[in-house]
Amino acid sequence: MASADQREREADFAVVLGARVLEGGVPSRALRARVECAVGLYRRGRVRRLLLSGGPSGSGPSEAEVMARLARGAGVPEEALALEPQSRSTAGNASRSARILERLGVRRVLLVSDDFHLFRACRCFWAEGVDAVPVAAPRDERELGWPKRAYWVLREALAVARSPGILFARRPRR
């Protein structure tokens, strides 16, 4: 029988938030790390499906499409993938993904992103009624030095300051 902590770390879906796609549809290291983390969750049976969320940042493919290509290349079958290829922000990821999850009858997900992004991302999903459990993608191969880490933390703080209402979002009860 699974422990309460183990059940907390399992869900029908992992929602993977997009990150930058480089010229020519090349995934950034952050995007690659997020997908690898989600694929690991899928392989270990912690989730049954992946919802890949992120729109285009230019004229190339959407973040979701690039993530799907990576997931398929790692052996995740097509039927285990769902895409949300239009959002251009974390709030957009949450609102568009919430609509897809609602149609599928899913209320609880594992939310995959970078550690510094998960505070705000979870609250955006909670505000949409989705019980999002944070899962941080490892940064082993892409360790950020303190200047870049400080930049990303400051960027998140500014994003919260622009939408302070998310600070009051609470995790939905199951």
N, C-alpha and C. Protein backbone atom coordinates (compact mmCIF):
# COMPACT_ATOMS: atom_id res chain seq x y z
N MET A 1 0.84 -1.18 0.00
CA MET A 1 0.00 0.00 0.00
C MET A 1 0.89 1.25 0.00
N ALA A 2 0.56 2.21 -0.83
CA ALA A 2 1.35 3.44 -0.95
C ALA A 2 1.13 4.35 0.25
N SER A 3 2.21 4.99 0.69
CA SER A 3 2.10 5.93 1.80
C SER A 3 1.40 7.20 1.34
N ALA A 4 0.98 8.02 2.31
CA ALA A 4 0.33 9.29 1.98
C ALA A 4 1.27 10.17 1.18
N ASP A 5 2.57 10.18 1.54
CA ASP A 5 3.55 10.98 0.81
C ASP A 5 3.70 10.49 -0.63
N GLN A 6 3.71 9.16 -0.81
CA GLN A 6 3.82 8.60 -2.16
C GLN A 6 2.59 8.96 -3.00
N ARG A 7 1.39 8.84 -2.40
CA ARG A 7 0.17 9.19 -3.14
C ARG A 7 0.17 10.67 -3.51
N GLU A 8 0.75 11.51 -2.64
CA GLU A 8 0.84 12.95 -2.91
C GLU A 8 1.67 13.21 -4.17
N ARG A 9 2.59 12.33 -4.45
CA ARG A 9 3.52 12.54 -5.56
C ARG A 9 3.12 11.73 -6.80
N GLU A 10 1.85 11.34 -6.87
CA GLU A 10 1.32 10.64 -8.03
C GLU A 10 0.06 11.37 -8.51
N ALA A 11 -0.21 11.30 -9.79
CA ALA A 11 -1.40 11.93 -10.37
C ALA A 11 -1.64 11.32 -11.75
N ASP A 12 -2.81 11.57 -12.30
CA ASP A 12 -3.08 11.10 -13.66
C ASP A 12 -2.20 11.81 -14.68
N PHE A 13 -1.96 13.11 -14.45
CA PHE A 13 -1.21 13.93 -15.40
C PHE A 13 -0.04 14.63 -14.73
N ALA A 14 1.00 14.82 -15.51
CA ALA A 14 2.02 15.82 -15.20
C ALA A 14 1.82 16.93 -16.22
N VAL A 15 1.72 18.16 -15.74
CA VAL A 15 1.67 19.31 -16.64
C VAL A 15 3.08 19.87 -16.69
N VAL A 16 3.62 19.96 -17.89
CA VAL A 16 4.98 20.44 -18.09
C VAL A 16 4.91 21.85 -18.68
N LEU A 17 5.46 22.81 -17.96
CA LEU A 17 5.43 24.19 -18.44
C LEU A 17 6.58 24.44 -19.39
N GLY A 18 6.29 25.16 -20.44
CA GLY A 18 7.27 25.42 -21.48
C GLY A 18 8.39 26.35 -21.03
N ALA A 19 9.42 26.36 -21.83
CA ALA A 19 10.56 27.25 -21.67
C ALA A 19 11.03 27.59 -23.08
N ARG A 20 12.02 28.40 -23.17
CA ARG A 20 12.46 28.93 -24.45
C ARG A 20 12.80 27.84 -25.48
N VAL A 21 12.38 28.10 -26.71
CA VAL A 21 12.77 27.30 -27.86
C VAL A 21 13.69 28.17 -28.70
N LEU A 22 14.84 27.64 -29.02
CA LEU A 22 15.84 28.38 -29.79
C LEU A 22 15.52 28.33 -31.28
N GLU A 23 16.23 29.13 -32.02
CA GLU A 23 16.07 29.18 -33.49
C GLU A 23 16.10 27.77 -34.08
N GLY A 24 15.21 27.53 -35.02
CA GLY A 24 15.16 26.24 -35.69
C GLY A 24 14.45 25.16 -34.89
N GLY A 25 13.72 25.55 -33.84
CA GLY A 25 12.99 24.57 -33.05
C GLY A 25 13.85 23.78 -32.09
N VAL A 26 15.03 24.29 -31.77
CA VAL A 26 15.94 23.60 -30.85
C VAL A 26 15.52 23.90 -29.41
N PRO A 27 15.31 22.86 -28.59
CA PRO A 27 14.90 23.10 -27.21
C PRO A 27 16.04 23.68 -26.38
N SER A 28 15.72 24.63 -25.52
CA SER A 28 16.71 25.15 -24.57
C SER A 28 17.01 24.06 -23.55
N ARG A 29 18.08 24.25 -22.79
CA ARG A 29 18.41 23.26 -21.75
C ARG A 29 17.31 23.19 -20.70
N ALA A 30 16.69 24.32 -20.40
CA ALA A 30 15.59 24.33 -19.42
C ALA A 30 14.41 23.50 -19.93
N LEU A 31 14.05 23.67 -21.18
CA LEU A 31 12.94 22.93 -21.75
C LEU A 31 13.25 21.44 -21.76
N ARG A 32 14.46 21.11 -22.16
CA ARG A 32 14.88 19.70 -22.20
C ARG A 32 14.83 19.08 -20.80
N ALA A 33 15.31 19.82 -19.79
CA ALA A 33 15.32 19.30 -18.41
C ALA A 33 13.91 19.06 -17.90
N ARG A 34 12.99 19.96 -18.22
CA ARG A 34 11.60 19.80 -17.78
C ARG A 34 10.96 18.56 -18.40
N VAL A 35 11.21 18.36 -19.69
CA VAL A 35 10.65 17.19 -20.36
C VAL A 35 11.28 15.91 -19.81
N GLU A 36 12.59 15.91 -19.60
CA GLU A 36 13.24 14.72 -19.06
C GLU A 36 12.69 14.37 -17.68
N CYS A 37 12.43 15.39 -16.87
CA CYS A 37 11.83 15.17 -15.55
C CYS A 37 10.46 14.53 -15.69
N ALA A 38 9.62 15.06 -16.58
CA ALA A 38 8.27 14.53 -16.77
C ALA A 38 8.30 13.11 -17.34
N VAL A 39 9.21 12.86 -18.27
CA VAL A 39 9.35 11.51 -18.82
C VAL A 39 9.73 10.53 -17.71
N GLY A 40 10.59 10.97 -16.81
CA GLY A 40 10.95 10.13 -15.67
C GLY A 40 9.75 9.81 -14.79
N LEU A 41 8.90 10.81 -14.56
CA LEU A 41 7.67 10.58 -13.79
C LEU A 41 6.79 9.55 -14.50
N TYR A 42 6.69 9.67 -15.81
CA TYR A 42 5.88 8.75 -16.61
C TYR A 42 6.45 7.33 -16.53
N ARG A 43 7.74 7.20 -16.72
CA ARG A 43 8.38 5.88 -16.70
C ARG A 43 8.26 5.20 -15.35
N ARG A 44 8.32 5.97 -14.27
CA ARG A 44 8.22 5.41 -12.92
C ARG A 44 6.77 5.16 -12.50
N GLY A 45 5.82 5.46 -13.38
CA GLY A 45 4.42 5.21 -13.09
C GLY A 45 3.78 6.22 -12.16
N ARG A 46 4.43 7.35 -11.97
CA ARG A 46 3.85 8.38 -11.08
C ARG A 46 2.76 9.17 -11.80
N VAL A 47 2.78 9.18 -13.12
CA VAL A 47 1.72 9.79 -13.93
C VAL A 47 1.42 8.88 -15.11
N ARG A 48 0.21 9.00 -15.64
CA ARG A 48 -0.17 8.20 -16.80
C ARG A 48 -0.08 8.98 -18.11
N ARG A 49 -0.15 10.32 -17.99
CA ARG A 49 -0.12 11.15 -19.19
C ARG A 49 0.62 12.44 -18.91
N LEU A 50 1.06 13.10 -19.99
CA LEU A 50 1.73 14.39 -19.91
C LEU A 50 0.92 15.43 -20.67
N LEU A 51 0.69 16.57 -20.04
CA LEU A 51 0.10 17.72 -20.71
C LEU A 51 1.22 18.73 -20.88
N LEU A 52 1.57 19.00 -22.12
CA LEU A 52 2.68 19.87 -22.46
C LEU A 52 2.13 21.24 -22.82
N SER A 53 2.53 22.26 -22.07
CA SER A 53 1.89 23.57 -22.19
C SER A 53 2.88 24.66 -22.53
N GLY A 54 2.66 25.31 -23.65
CA GLY A 54 3.48 26.45 -24.06
C GLY A 54 3.30 26.76 -25.52
N GLY A 55 3.12 28.02 -25.81
CA GLY A 55 2.88 28.46 -27.18
C GLY A 55 4.14 28.82 -27.91
N PRO A 56 3.98 29.36 -29.10
CA PRO A 56 5.13 29.77 -29.91
C PRO A 56 5.71 31.10 -29.40
N SER A 57 6.99 31.23 -29.52
CA SER A 57 7.62 32.50 -29.13
C SER A 57 8.05 33.30 -30.35
N GLY A 58 7.84 32.75 -31.50
CA GLY A 58 8.19 33.42 -32.75
C GLY A 58 7.48 32.72 -33.88
N SER A 59 8.17 32.55 -34.97
CA SER A 59 7.55 31.92 -36.13
C SER A 59 7.75 30.42 -36.14
N GLY A 60 8.51 29.89 -35.20
CA GLY A 60 8.79 28.46 -35.16
C GLY A 60 7.71 27.68 -34.44
N PRO A 61 8.01 26.42 -34.13
CA PRO A 61 7.03 25.58 -33.45
C PRO A 61 6.78 26.05 -32.02
N SER A 62 5.64 25.66 -31.48
CA SER A 62 5.32 26.01 -30.10
C SER A 62 6.21 25.21 -29.15
N GLU A 63 6.31 25.71 -27.92
CA GLU A 63 7.05 24.99 -26.89
C GLU A 63 6.44 23.60 -26.69
N ALA A 64 5.10 23.51 -26.71
CA ALA A 64 4.42 22.23 -26.53
C ALA A 64 4.80 21.24 -27.63
N GLU A 65 4.88 21.72 -28.86
CA GLU A 65 5.23 20.83 -29.98
C GLU A 65 6.67 20.33 -29.85
N VAL A 66 7.57 21.19 -29.43
CA VAL A 66 8.97 20.79 -29.24
C VAL A 66 9.06 19.79 -28.09
N MET A 67 8.31 20.04 -27.00
CA MET A 67 8.31 19.10 -25.88
C MET A 67 7.74 17.75 -26.30
N ALA A 68 6.70 17.74 -27.11
CA ALA A 68 6.11 16.49 -27.58
C ALA A 68 7.13 15.69 -28.39
N ARG A 69 7.88 16.38 -29.23
CA ARG A 69 8.92 15.71 -30.02
C ARG A 69 9.94 15.05 -29.10
N LEU A 70 10.36 15.76 -28.05
CA LEU A 70 11.32 15.20 -27.10
C LEU A 70 10.73 14.00 -26.36
N ALA A 71 9.49 14.12 -25.92
CA ALA A 71 8.85 13.04 -25.16
C ALA A 71 8.69 11.79 -26.03
N ARG A 72 8.23 11.99 -27.27
CA ARG A 72 8.10 10.84 -28.18
C ARG A 72 9.46 10.19 -28.42
N GLY A 73 10.50 11.01 -28.58
CA GLY A 73 11.86 10.49 -28.77
C GLY A 73 12.36 9.71 -27.58
N ALA A 74 11.81 10.00 -26.40
CA ALA A 74 12.20 9.29 -25.17
C ALA A 74 11.30 8.09 -24.91
N GLY A 75 10.40 7.79 -25.85
CA GLY A 75 9.58 6.59 -25.74
C GLY A 75 8.18 6.78 -25.17
N VAL A 76 7.74 8.01 -24.96
CA VAL A 76 6.38 8.23 -24.46
C VAL A 76 5.43 8.10 -25.66
N PRO A 77 4.44 7.21 -25.58
CA PRO A 77 3.54 7.03 -26.72
C PRO A 77 2.64 8.23 -26.95
N GLU A 78 2.25 8.41 -28.17
CA GLU A 78 1.40 9.53 -28.57
C GLU A 78 0.14 9.64 -27.73
N GLU A 79 -0.47 8.49 -27.42
CA GLU A 79 -1.72 8.52 -26.66
C GLU A 79 -1.54 8.98 -25.22
N ALA A 80 -0.30 9.07 -24.75
CA ALA A 80 -0.03 9.56 -23.40
C ALA A 80 0.28 11.05 -23.38
N LEU A 81 0.19 11.70 -24.54
CA LEU A 81 0.51 13.12 -24.65
C LEU A 81 -0.72 13.95 -24.96
N ALA A 82 -0.81 15.10 -24.31
CA ALA A 82 -1.83 16.10 -24.63
C ALA A 82 -1.07 17.42 -24.76
N LEU A 83 -1.48 18.26 -25.69
CA LEU A 83 -0.78 19.52 -25.93
C LEU A 83 -1.68 20.72 -25.72
N GLU A 84 -1.10 21.75 -25.15
CA GLU A 84 -1.71 23.08 -25.05
C GLU A 84 -0.70 24.01 -25.70
N PRO A 85 -0.82 24.28 -27.00
CA PRO A 85 0.22 24.98 -27.75
C PRO A 85 -0.01 26.48 -27.98
N GLN A 86 -0.82 27.13 -27.15
CA GLN A 86 -1.15 28.52 -27.44
C GLN A 86 -0.72 29.52 -26.37
N SER A 87 -0.55 29.10 -25.14
CA SER A 87 -0.28 30.05 -24.06
C SER A 87 1.08 30.71 -24.21
N ARG A 88 1.16 31.94 -23.72
CA ARG A 88 2.41 32.72 -23.82
C ARG A 88 2.88 33.22 -22.45
N SER A 89 2.26 32.72 -21.39
CA SER A 89 2.63 33.14 -20.04
C SER A 89 2.25 32.04 -19.07
N THR A 90 2.74 32.15 -17.84
CA THR A 90 2.39 31.16 -16.82
C THR A 90 0.90 31.19 -16.53
N ALA A 91 0.32 32.38 -16.43
CA ALA A 91 -1.12 32.48 -16.20
C ALA A 91 -1.88 31.86 -17.36
N GLY A 92 -1.40 32.05 -18.57
CA GLY A 92 -2.01 31.43 -19.74
C GLY A 92 -1.87 29.92 -19.72
N ASN A 93 -0.69 29.43 -19.31
CA ASN A 93 -0.51 27.99 -19.15
C ASN A 93 -1.60 27.44 -18.23
N ALA A 94 -1.78 28.12 -17.10
CA ALA A 94 -2.73 27.66 -16.10
C ALA A 94 -4.16 27.68 -16.62
N SER A 95 -4.59 28.79 -17.19
CA SER A 95 -5.99 28.88 -17.62
C SER A 95 -6.30 27.94 -18.78
N ARG A 96 -5.42 27.88 -19.75
CA ARG A 96 -5.67 26.99 -20.90
C ARG A 96 -5.56 25.52 -20.50
N SER A 97 -4.57 25.19 -19.67
CA SER A 97 -4.42 23.81 -19.22
C SER A 97 -5.60 23.40 -18.35
N ALA A 98 -6.07 24.31 -17.50
CA ALA A 98 -7.21 24.00 -16.63
C ALA A 98 -8.44 23.62 -17.45
N ARG A 99 -8.66 24.29 -18.56
CA ARG A 99 -9.81 23.96 -19.42
C ARG A 99 -9.68 22.56 -20.00
N ILE A 100 -8.46 22.22 -20.44
CA ILE A 100 -8.23 20.87 -20.98
C ILE A 100 -8.43 19.83 -19.89
N LEU A 101 -7.85 20.07 -18.72
CA LEU A 101 -7.95 19.12 -17.62
C LEU A 101 -9.40 18.96 -17.16
N GLU A 102 -10.15 20.05 -17.14
CA GLU A 102 -11.56 19.97 -16.75
C GLU A 102 -12.34 19.08 -17.70
N ARG A 103 -12.11 19.25 -19.01
CA ARG A 103 -12.79 18.40 -20.00
C ARG A 103 -12.47 16.92 -19.79
N LEU A 104 -11.25 16.64 -19.29
CA LEU A 104 -10.82 15.27 -19.07
C LEU A 104 -11.18 14.76 -17.68
N GLY A 105 -11.77 15.62 -16.86
CA GLY A 105 -12.15 15.21 -15.51
C GLY A 105 -10.98 15.12 -14.54
N VAL A 106 -9.91 15.85 -14.81
CA VAL A 106 -8.71 15.80 -13.97
C VAL A 106 -8.67 17.04 -13.08
N ARG A 107 -8.49 16.83 -11.78
CA ARG A 107 -8.45 17.95 -10.83
C ARG A 107 -7.08 18.09 -10.16
N ARG A 108 -6.25 17.04 -10.24
CA ARG A 108 -4.96 17.05 -9.55
C ARG A 108 -3.85 16.65 -10.51
N VAL A 109 -2.76 17.42 -10.49
CA VAL A 109 -1.64 17.16 -11.40
C VAL A 109 -0.31 17.35 -10.66
N LEU A 110 0.72 16.78 -11.23
CA LEU A 110 2.08 17.12 -10.84
C LEU A 110 2.51 18.21 -11.81
N LEU A 111 3.03 19.31 -11.29
CA LEU A 111 3.38 20.47 -12.11
C LEU A 111 4.90 20.55 -12.22
N VAL A 112 5.42 20.42 -13.43
CA VAL A 112 6.86 20.38 -13.67
C VAL A 112 7.35 21.70 -14.23
N SER A 113 8.31 22.28 -13.54
CA SER A 113 8.98 23.50 -14.00
C SER A 113 10.29 23.62 -13.23
N ASP A 114 10.92 24.78 -13.32
CA ASP A 114 12.12 25.03 -12.55
C ASP A 114 11.75 25.42 -11.13
N ASP A 115 12.63 25.14 -10.19
CA ASP A 115 12.32 25.38 -8.78
C ASP A 115 11.93 26.83 -8.50
N PHE A 116 12.63 27.78 -9.10
CA PHE A 116 12.33 29.19 -8.83
C PHE A 116 11.01 29.64 -9.44
N HIS A 117 10.43 28.86 -10.33
CA HIS A 117 9.19 29.21 -11.02
C HIS A 117 7.96 28.59 -10.35
N LEU A 118 8.17 27.56 -9.56
CA LEU A 118 7.05 26.77 -9.06
C LEU A 118 6.16 27.48 -8.04
N PHE A 119 6.70 28.39 -7.26
CA PHE A 119 5.88 29.12 -6.29
C PHE A 119 4.73 29.83 -7.03
N ARG A 120 5.09 30.61 -8.03
CA ARG A 120 4.08 31.37 -8.79
C ARG A 120 3.24 30.45 -9.66
N ALA A 121 3.88 29.49 -10.31
CA ALA A 121 3.15 28.60 -11.22
C ALA A 121 2.07 27.82 -10.48
N CYS A 122 2.39 27.27 -9.33
CA CYS A 122 1.38 26.52 -8.56
C CYS A 122 0.21 27.42 -8.21
N ARG A 123 0.49 28.62 -7.79
CA ARG A 123 -0.59 29.52 -7.41
C ARG A 123 -1.46 29.91 -8.60
N CYS A 124 -0.87 30.03 -9.77
CA CYS A 124 -1.67 30.29 -10.97
C CYS A 124 -2.62 29.12 -11.24
N PHE A 125 -2.12 27.89 -11.09
CA PHE A 125 -2.97 26.71 -11.30
C PHE A 125 -4.02 26.60 -10.20
N TRP A 126 -3.63 26.86 -8.95
CA TRP A 126 -4.60 26.80 -7.85
C TRP A 126 -5.72 27.80 -8.09
N ALA A 127 -5.38 28.99 -8.58
CA ALA A 127 -6.39 30.02 -8.84
C ALA A 127 -7.39 29.54 -9.90
N GLU A 128 -6.97 28.60 -10.74
CA GLU A 128 -7.85 28.03 -11.77
C GLU A 128 -8.58 26.78 -11.27
N GLY A 129 -8.39 26.43 -9.99
CA GLY A 129 -9.07 25.27 -9.42
C GLY A 129 -8.36 23.95 -9.63
N VAL A 130 -7.11 23.98 -10.08
CA VAL A 130 -6.33 22.76 -10.30
C VAL A 130 -5.42 22.53 -9.10
N ASP A 131 -5.49 21.35 -8.52
CA ASP A 131 -4.62 20.97 -7.41
C ASP A 131 -3.26 20.58 -8.00
N ALA A 132 -2.35 21.53 -8.05
CA ALA A 132 -1.03 21.32 -8.66
C ALA A 132 0.00 21.06 -7.57
N VAL A 133 0.67 19.93 -7.68
CA VAL A 133 1.74 19.55 -6.76
C VAL A 133 3.06 19.84 -7.47
N PRO A 134 3.93 20.67 -6.89
CA PRO A 134 5.15 21.07 -7.58
C PRO A 134 6.19 19.96 -7.68
N VAL A 135 6.82 19.88 -8.86
CA VAL A 135 7.95 18.98 -9.09
C VAL A 135 9.01 19.79 -9.83
N ALA A 136 10.16 19.98 -9.20
CA ALA A 136 11.22 20.78 -9.80
C ALA A 136 12.09 19.93 -10.72
N ALA A 137 12.29 20.43 -11.93
CA ALA A 137 13.21 19.78 -12.86
C ALA A 137 14.64 19.97 -12.36
N PRO A 138 15.44 18.93 -12.39
CA PRO A 138 16.82 19.05 -11.91
C PRO A 138 17.63 20.04 -12.75
N ARG A 139 18.58 20.67 -12.10
CA ARG A 139 19.44 21.63 -12.79
C ARG A 139 20.88 21.13 -12.88
N ASP A 140 21.11 19.84 -12.69
CA ASP A 140 22.46 19.29 -12.62
C ASP A 140 23.37 19.76 -13.76
N GLU A 141 22.97 19.48 -14.97
CA GLU A 141 23.81 19.79 -16.13
C GLU A 141 23.77 21.26 -16.54
N ARG A 142 22.86 22.00 -15.99
CA ARG A 142 22.70 23.40 -16.37
C ARG A 142 22.76 24.29 -15.14
N GLU A 143 23.64 23.94 -14.21
CA GLU A 143 23.75 24.70 -12.97
C GLU A 143 23.91 26.17 -13.28
N LEU A 144 23.06 26.96 -12.65
CA LEU A 144 23.07 28.40 -12.88
C LEU A 144 23.99 29.06 -11.87
N GLY A 145 24.88 29.91 -12.34
CA GLY A 145 25.70 30.70 -11.44
C GLY A 145 24.83 31.71 -10.72
N TRP A 146 25.38 32.33 -9.69
CA TRP A 146 24.55 33.24 -8.89
C TRP A 146 24.00 34.41 -9.69
N PRO A 147 24.70 34.99 -10.69
CA PRO A 147 24.06 36.10 -11.42
C PRO A 147 22.80 35.67 -12.17
N LYS A 148 22.85 34.51 -12.84
CA LYS A 148 21.67 34.05 -13.57
C LYS A 148 20.56 33.62 -12.61
N ARG A 149 20.94 32.96 -11.55
CA ARG A 149 19.95 32.53 -10.56
C ARG A 149 19.26 33.77 -9.94
N ALA A 150 20.06 34.77 -9.62
CA ALA A 150 19.49 36.01 -9.06
C ALA A 150 18.55 36.66 -10.07
N TYR A 151 18.92 36.65 -11.35
CA TYR A 151 18.05 37.21 -12.39
C TYR A 151 16.70 36.50 -12.40
N TRP A 152 16.71 35.15 -12.38
CA TRP A 152 15.47 34.40 -12.48
C TRP A 152 14.61 34.56 -11.23
N VAL A 153 15.24 34.62 -10.06
CA VAL A 153 14.48 34.82 -8.83
C VAL A 153 13.86 36.22 -8.83
N LEU A 154 14.63 37.22 -9.25
CA LEU A 154 14.11 38.59 -9.32
C LEU A 154 12.97 38.67 -10.34
N ARG A 155 13.14 38.01 -11.46
CA ARG A 155 12.09 37.99 -12.49
C ARG A 155 10.79 37.42 -11.93
N GLU A 156 10.90 36.34 -11.15
CA GLU A 156 9.71 35.74 -10.54
C GLU A 156 9.09 36.69 -9.52
N ALA A 157 9.93 37.35 -8.72
CA ALA A 157 9.40 38.30 -7.72
C ALA A 157 8.65 39.43 -8.41
N LEU A 158 9.17 39.93 -9.52
CA LEU A 158 8.48 40.98 -10.26
C LEU A 158 7.18 40.49 -10.86
N ALA A 159 7.17 39.25 -11.32
CA ALA A 159 5.94 38.68 -11.88
C ALA A 159 4.86 38.56 -10.80
N VAL A 160 5.26 38.18 -9.61
CA VAL A 160 4.30 38.10 -8.50
C VAL A 160 3.81 39.51 -8.15
N ALA A 161 4.73 40.47 -8.15
CA ALA A 161 4.35 41.86 -7.83
C ALA A 161 3.34 42.41 -8.84
N ARG A 162 3.44 41.97 -10.10
CA ARG A 162 2.49 42.43 -11.13
C ARG A 162 1.12 41.78 -10.97
N SER A 163 1.07 40.62 -10.30
CA SER A 163 -0.20 39.91 -10.09
C SER A 163 -0.29 39.47 -8.64
N PRO A 164 -0.35 40.41 -7.72
CA PRO A 164 -0.31 40.05 -6.29
C PRO A 164 -1.47 39.19 -5.83
N GLY A 165 -2.55 39.19 -6.57
CA GLY A 165 -3.70 38.37 -6.19
C GLY A 165 -3.37 36.88 -6.10
N ILE A 166 -2.38 36.43 -6.86
CA ILE A 166 -2.05 34.99 -6.81
C ILE A 166 -1.48 34.60 -5.45
N LEU A 167 -1.00 35.57 -4.68
CA LEU A 167 -0.49 35.25 -3.35
C LEU A 167 -1.60 34.69 -2.45
N PHE A 168 -2.85 35.01 -2.78
CA PHE A 168 -3.97 34.55 -1.98
C PHE A 168 -4.58 33.25 -2.49
N ALA A 169 -4.06 32.76 -3.61
CA ALA A 169 -4.56 31.48 -4.16
C ALA A 169 -4.17 30.36 -3.20
N ARG A 170 -5.11 29.51 -2.91
CA ARG A 170 -4.88 28.38 -2.02
C ARG A 170 -5.09 27.09 -2.78
N ARG A 171 -4.36 26.11 -2.35
CA ARG A 171 -4.46 24.80 -2.98
C ARG A 171 -5.87 24.25 -2.82
N PRO A 172 -6.50 23.84 -3.92
CA PRO A 172 -7.86 23.28 -3.84
C PRO A 172 -7.87 22.01 -3.01
N ARG A 173 -8.94 21.83 -2.29
CA ARG A 173 -9.10 20.58 -1.52
C ARG A 173 -9.54 19.48 -2.45
N ARG A 174 -9.04 18.30 -2.15
CA ARG A 174 -9.40 17.14 -2.97
C ARG A 174 -10.69 16.54 -2.52
